[in-house]
Amino acid sequence: MDRLAKEILKELLPAEKEIAPAPKRGKGKDATVAVDHWTPAILLERGRYLRELARHGDGQASETLKEYPQHHAMLSFRARDGVAELHEKFADVFYVLAGGASLVTGGTVAGAHSVAPGEIRGDRVDGGLQQQLRAGDVAHVPAGVPHQMLVASDKTVTCLVMKIRESE
């Protein structure tokens, strides 16, 4: 799959733009840090790359844009339903860049199993509240809340996802 991803990347992004770390300017207490900045155009370009990966894979693809001490930024593309999730310590903030999906929150995770410390996955969310998300919408799912992204068979969704540590 790694070779395939590189080939797709070469086709889509002949001169791929590296997402560079924020450089420090100045010295000591006067040092400033340039902020990480991703324009919608850059995110959507990366989303097209993820769409191609998903098309040749299982219908979904994501990448971590940057990891920070208490949160990290990800980009996610889906052409199918996600699994049910529960993060004990991390909130998810979804910003929909393109497309749309239903976000189910609350209820319980059916078929729950641990995939890592504090990370639960399952087949579906039972008894949750379903809300439609469209391009431009933002949704905050607090730590400890079951959630699942549902994508209609003829739709896709591309989201910027901020995973934020809410508890130790």
C-alpha atoms as a PDB file:
ATOM      1  CA  MET A   1       0.000   0.000   0.000  1.00  0.00           C
ATOM      2  CA  ASP A   2       2.905   2.364   0.710  1.00  0.00           C
ATOM      3  CA  ARG A   3       4.127   2.099  -2.902  1.00  0.00           C
ATOM      4  CA  LEU A   4       0.587   2.704  -4.167  1.00  0.00           C
ATOM      5  CA  ALA A   5       0.239   5.765  -1.939  1.00  0.00           C
ATOM      6  CA  LYS A   6       3.485   7.215  -3.297  1.00  0.00           C
ATOM      7  CA  GLU A   7       2.380   6.628  -6.893  1.00  0.00           C
ATOM      8  CA  ILE A   8      -0.975   8.304  -6.266  1.00  0.00           C
ATOM      9  CA  LEU A   9       0.784  11.172  -4.546  1.00  0.00           C
ATOM     10  CA  LYS A  10       3.094  11.676  -7.546  1.00  0.00           C
ATOM     11  CA  GLU A  11       0.082  11.821  -9.869  1.00  0.00           C
ATOM     12  CA  LEU A  12      -1.955  14.205  -7.734  1.00  0.00           C
ATOM     13  CA  LEU A  13       0.753  16.414  -6.332  1.00  0.00           C
ATOM     14  CA  PRO A  14       3.715  16.509  -8.717  1.00  0.00           C
ATOM     15  CA  ALA A  15       5.491  19.021  -6.483  1.00  0.00           C
ATOM     16  CA  GLU A  16       4.132  18.022  -3.078  1.00  0.00           C
ATOM     17  CA  LYS A  17       4.191  20.810  -0.560  1.00  0.00           C
ATOM     18  CA  GLU A  18       5.732  19.690   2.711  1.00  0.00           C
ATOM     19  CA  ILE A  19       3.760  20.819   5.742  1.00  0.00           C
ATOM     20  CA  ALA A  20       6.657  22.395   7.576  1.00  0.00           C
ATOM     21  CA  PRO A  21       7.039  22.872  11.321  1.00  0.00           C
ATOM     22  CA  ALA A  22       6.634  26.353  12.716  1.00  0.00           C
ATOM     23  CA  PRO A  23      10.076  28.021  12.761  1.00  0.00           C
ATOM     24  CA  LYS A  24      11.248  30.075  15.746  1.00  0.00           C
ATOM     25  CA  ARG A  25      12.357  33.623  15.083  1.00  0.00           C
ATOM     26  CA  GLY A  26      14.589  35.596  17.381  1.00  0.00           C
ATOM     27  CA  LYS A  27      16.269  34.476  20.610  1.00  0.00           C
ATOM     28  CA  GLY A  28      15.366  34.002  24.254  1.00  0.00           C
ATOM     29  CA  LYS A  29      12.251  35.643  25.661  1.00  0.00           C
ATOM     30  CA  ASP A  30      11.889  37.743  22.494  1.00  0.00           C
ATOM     31  CA  ALA A  31      11.597  34.650  20.295  1.00  0.00           C
ATOM     32  CA  THR A  32       8.354  34.322  18.388  1.00  0.00           C
ATOM     33  CA  VAL A  33       6.960  31.209  16.810  1.00  0.00           C
ATOM     34  CA  ALA A  34       5.277  31.280  13.432  1.00  0.00           C
ATOM     35  CA  VAL A  35       1.909  29.559  13.627  1.00  0.00           C
ATOM     36  CA  ASP A  36       1.066  26.456  11.663  1.00  0.00           C
ATOM     37  CA  HIS A  37      -1.256  27.582   8.904  1.00  0.00           C
ATOM     38  CA  TRP A  38      -3.238  25.380   6.532  1.00  0.00           C
ATOM     39  CA  THR A  39      -5.432  27.164   4.033  1.00  0.00           C
ATOM     40  CA  PRO A  40      -8.667  25.546   2.848  1.00  0.00           C
ATOM     41  CA  ALA A  41      -6.999  25.062  -0.560  1.00  0.00           C
ATOM     42  CA  ILE A  42      -4.110  23.090   0.962  1.00  0.00           C
ATOM     43  CA  LEU A  43      -6.443  20.992   3.115  1.00  0.00           C
ATOM     44  CA  LEU A  44      -8.742  20.222   0.187  1.00  0.00           C
ATOM     45  CA  GLU A  45      -5.730  19.326  -1.976  1.00  0.00           C
ATOM     46  CA  ARG A  46      -4.601  16.872   0.714  1.00  0.00           C
ATOM     47  CA  GLY A  47      -8.221  15.680   0.923  1.00  0.00           C
ATOM     48  CA  ARG A  48      -8.139  14.795  -2.792  1.00  0.00           C
ATOM     49  CA  TYR A  49      -5.010  12.732  -2.144  1.00  0.00           C
ATOM     50  CA  LEU A  50      -6.782  10.949   0.738  1.00  0.00           C
ATOM     51  CA  ARG A  51      -9.798  10.345  -1.537  1.00  0.00           C
ATOM     52  CA  GLU A  52      -7.512   8.482  -3.965  1.00  0.00           C
ATOM     53  CA  LEU A  53      -6.019   6.423  -1.148  1.00  0.00           C
ATOM     54  CA  ALA A  54      -9.526   5.594   0.077  1.00  0.00           C
ATOM     55  CA  ARG A  55     -10.643   4.647  -3.426  1.00  0.00           C
ATOM     56  CA  HIS A  56      -7.851   2.076  -3.627  1.00  0.00           C
ATOM     57  CA  GLY A  57      -8.335   0.976  -0.013  1.00  0.00           C
ATOM     58  CA  ASP A  58     -11.327   0.468   2.251  1.00  0.00           C
ATOM     59  CA  GLY A  59     -13.192   3.728   1.575  1.00  0.00           C
ATOM     60  CA  GLN A  60     -11.499   5.867   4.193  1.00  0.00           C
ATOM     61  CA  ALA A  61      -8.109   7.486   4.713  1.00  0.00           C
ATOM     62  CA  SER A  62      -6.605   9.934   7.171  1.00  0.00           C
ATOM     63  CA  GLU A  63      -3.317  11.580   8.005  1.00  0.00           C
ATOM     64  CA  THR A  64      -1.883  13.413  10.971  1.00  0.00           C
ATOM     65  CA  LEU A  65      -0.933  16.929   9.946  1.00  0.00           C
ATOM     66  CA  LYS A  66       0.856  17.853  13.175  1.00  0.00           C
ATOM     67  CA  GLU A  67       1.211  16.573  16.744  1.00  0.00           C
ATOM     68  CA  TYR A  68       1.367  19.001  19.636  1.00  0.00           C
ATOM     69  CA  PRO A  69       1.832  18.321  23.377  1.00  0.00           C
ATOM     70  CA  GLN A  70      -1.919  18.335  24.233  1.00  0.00           C
ATOM     71  CA  HIS A  71      -3.596  17.907  20.848  1.00  0.00           C
ATOM     72  CA  HIS A  72      -3.034  16.970  17.260  1.00  0.00           C
ATOM     73  CA  ALA A  73      -4.452  17.968  13.896  1.00  0.00           C
ATOM     74  CA  MET A  74      -5.652  15.355  11.430  1.00  0.00           C
ATOM     75  CA  LEU A  75      -7.294  15.296   8.032  1.00  0.00           C
ATOM     76  CA  SER A  76      -9.905  12.622   7.351  1.00  0.00           C
ATOM     77  CA  PHE A  77     -11.717  11.491   4.203  1.00  0.00           C
ATOM     78  CA  ARG A  78     -14.629   9.031   4.285  1.00  0.00           C
ATOM     79  CA  ALA A  79     -16.737   7.438   1.579  1.00  0.00           C
ATOM     80  CA  ARG A  80     -18.222   4.960   4.064  1.00  0.00           C
ATOM     81  CA  ASP A  81     -19.384   4.768   7.678  1.00  0.00           C
ATOM     82  CA  GLY A  82     -16.787   4.928  10.399  1.00  0.00           C
ATOM     83  CA  VAL A  83     -16.688   2.594  13.362  1.00  0.00           C
ATOM     84  CA  ALA A  84     -18.111   3.617  16.716  1.00  0.00           C
ATOM     85  CA  GLU A  85     -15.473   5.332  18.858  1.00  0.00           C
ATOM     86  CA  LEU A  86     -14.978   6.512  22.412  1.00  0.00           C
ATOM     87  CA  HIS A  87     -11.841   8.358  23.500  1.00  0.00           C
ATOM     88  CA  GLU A  88     -11.537   8.455  27.295  1.00  0.00           C
ATOM     89  CA  LYS A  89      -9.110  11.402  27.390  1.00  0.00           C
ATOM     90  CA  PHE A  90      -9.487  13.148  24.038  1.00  0.00           C
ATOM     91  CA  ALA A  91     -12.242  15.297  22.559  1.00  0.00           C
ATOM     92  CA  ASP A  92     -12.746  15.373  18.796  1.00  0.00           C
ATOM     93  CA  VAL A  93     -13.502  18.651  17.060  1.00  0.00           C
ATOM     94  CA  PHE A  94     -14.663  18.095  13.474  1.00  0.00           C
ATOM     95  CA  TYR A  95     -14.575  20.905  10.913  1.00  0.00           C
ATOM     96  CA  VAL A  96     -16.272  19.741   7.716  1.00  0.00           C
ATOM     97  CA  LEU A  97     -14.342  20.987   4.693  1.00  0.00           C
ATOM     98  CA  ALA A  98     -16.362  19.250   1.970  1.00  0.00           C
ATOM     99  CA  GLY A  99     -19.299  16.886   1.623  1.00  0.00           C
ATOM    100  CA  GLY A 100     -21.462  15.820   4.507  1.00  0.00           C
ATOM    101  CA  ALA A 101     -22.269  13.055   6.947  1.00  0.00           C
ATOM    102  CA  SER A 102     -24.355  12.223   9.985  1.00  0.00           C
ATOM    103  CA  LEU A 103     -22.648  12.338  13.360  1.00  0.00           C
ATOM    104  CA  VAL A 104     -24.145  10.063  16.000  1.00  0.00           C
ATOM    105  CA  THR A 105     -23.226  11.004  19.587  1.00  0.00           C
ATOM    106  CA  GLY A 106     -24.114   9.652  23.011  1.00  0.00           C
ATOM    107  CA  GLY A 107     -25.742   6.313  23.653  1.00  0.00           C
ATOM    108  CA  THR A 108     -23.557   3.224  23.970  1.00  0.00           C
ATOM    109  CA  VAL A 109     -20.929   1.524  21.817  1.00  0.00           C
ATOM    110  CA  ALA A 110     -22.259  -1.856  20.631  1.00  0.00           C
ATOM    111  CA  GLY A 111     -19.587  -4.545  20.418  1.00  0.00           C
ATOM    112  CA  ALA A 112     -17.161  -2.354  22.377  1.00  0.00           C
ATOM    113  CA  HIS A 113     -13.528  -3.440  22.580  1.00  0.00           C
ATOM    114  CA  SER A 114     -10.324  -1.684  23.577  1.00  0.00           C
ATOM    115  CA  VAL A 115      -7.804  -0.987  20.803  1.00  0.00           C
ATOM    116  CA  ALA A 116      -5.347   0.973  22.979  1.00  0.00           C
ATOM    117  CA  PRO A 117      -5.365   2.448  26.497  1.00  0.00           C
ATOM    118  CA  GLY A 118      -8.340   4.807  26.690  1.00  0.00           C
ATOM    119  CA  GLU A 119      -9.463   4.018  23.119  1.00  0.00           C
ATOM    120  CA  ILE A 120     -12.676   2.031  22.570  1.00  0.00           C
ATOM    121  CA  ARG A 121     -14.076   0.927  19.213  1.00  0.00           C
ATOM    122  CA  GLY A 122     -17.238  -0.924  18.277  1.00  0.00           C
ATOM    123  CA  ASP A 123     -19.742  -1.826  15.578  1.00  0.00           C
ATOM    124  CA  ARG A 124     -22.135   1.090  16.032  1.00  0.00           C
ATOM    125  CA  VAL A 125     -23.528   3.632  18.487  1.00  0.00           C
ATOM    126  CA  ASP A 126     -26.898   2.575  19.874  1.00  0.00           C
ATOM    127  CA  GLY A 127     -29.332   5.151  21.274  1.00  0.00           C
ATOM    128  CA  GLY A 128     -27.354   8.227  20.263  1.00  0.00           C
ATOM    129  CA  LEU A 129     -28.456  11.552  18.818  1.00  0.00           C
ATOM    130  CA  GLN A 130     -27.960  11.872  15.047  1.00  0.00           C
ATOM    131  CA  GLN A 131     -27.073  15.269  13.555  1.00  0.00           C
ATOM    132  CA  GLN A 132     -26.347  16.228   9.945  1.00  0.00           C
ATOM    133  CA  LEU A 133     -22.974  17.830   9.251  1.00  0.00           C
ATOM    134  CA  ARG A 134     -22.326  19.846   6.090  1.00  0.00           C
ATOM    135  CA  ALA A 135     -19.384  21.817   4.703  1.00  0.00           C
ATOM    136  CA  GLY A 136     -18.560  24.651   7.091  1.00  0.00           C
ATOM    137  CA  ASP A 137     -20.052  22.953  10.174  1.00  0.00           C
ATOM    138  CA  VAL A 138     -18.061  22.387  13.366  1.00  0.00           C
ATOM    139  CA  ALA A 139     -18.897  19.703  15.928  1.00  0.00           C
ATOM    140  CA  HIS A 140     -17.225  19.174  19.323  1.00  0.00           C
ATOM    141  CA  VAL A 141     -17.457  15.679  20.822  1.00  0.00           C
ATOM    142  CA  PRO A 142     -16.218  15.747  24.440  1.00  0.00           C
ATOM    143  CA  ALA A 143     -13.919  13.058  25.825  1.00  0.00           C
ATOM    144  CA  GLY A 144     -15.849  10.004  27.011  1.00  0.00           C
ATOM    145  CA  VAL A 145     -18.753  10.448  24.568  1.00  0.00           C
ATOM    146  CA  PRO A 146     -19.448   7.614  22.096  1.00  0.00           C
ATOM    147  CA  HIS A 147     -19.597   8.817  18.495  1.00  0.00           C
ATOM    148  CA  GLN A 148     -19.762   7.533  14.937  1.00  0.00           C
ATOM    149  CA  MET A 149     -19.636   9.201  11.523  1.00  0.00           C
ATOM    150  CA  LEU A 150     -22.227   7.830   9.057  1.00  0.00           C
ATOM    151  CA  VAL A 151     -21.805   8.546   5.350  1.00  0.00           C
ATOM    152  CA  ALA A 152     -24.628   7.892   2.854  1.00  0.00           C
ATOM    153  CA  SER A 153     -23.679   5.508   0.039  1.00  0.00           C
ATOM    154  CA  ASP A 154     -23.604   8.289  -2.580  1.00  0.00           C
ATOM    155  CA  LYS A 155     -21.787  10.858  -0.394  1.00  0.00           C
ATOM    156  CA  THR A 156     -18.317  11.601   0.978  1.00  0.00           C
ATOM    157  CA  VAL A 157     -16.976  13.796   3.745  1.00  0.00           C
ATOM    158  CA  THR A 158     -13.625  15.503   4.274  1.00  0.00           C
ATOM    159  CA  CYS A 159     -12.916  16.865   7.764  1.00  0.00           C
ATOM    160  CA  LEU A 160     -10.179  18.602   9.655  1.00  0.00           C
ATOM    161  CA  VAL A 161     -10.144  16.809  13.017  1.00  0.00           C
ATOM    162  CA  MET A 162      -8.571  18.301  16.125  1.00  0.00           C
ATOM    163  CA  LYS A 163      -7.989  15.708  18.841  1.00  0.00           C
ATOM    164  CA  ILE A 164      -7.679  17.607  22.129  1.00  0.00           C
ATOM    165  CA  ARG A 165      -6.628  16.111  25.471  1.00  0.00           C
ATOM    166  CA  GLU A 166      -9.354  17.004  27.990  1.00  0.00           C
ATOM    167  CA  SER A 167      -8.221  14.889  30.937  1.00  0.00           C
ATOM    168  CA  GLU A 168      -5.114  13.167  32.278  1.00  0.00           C
END
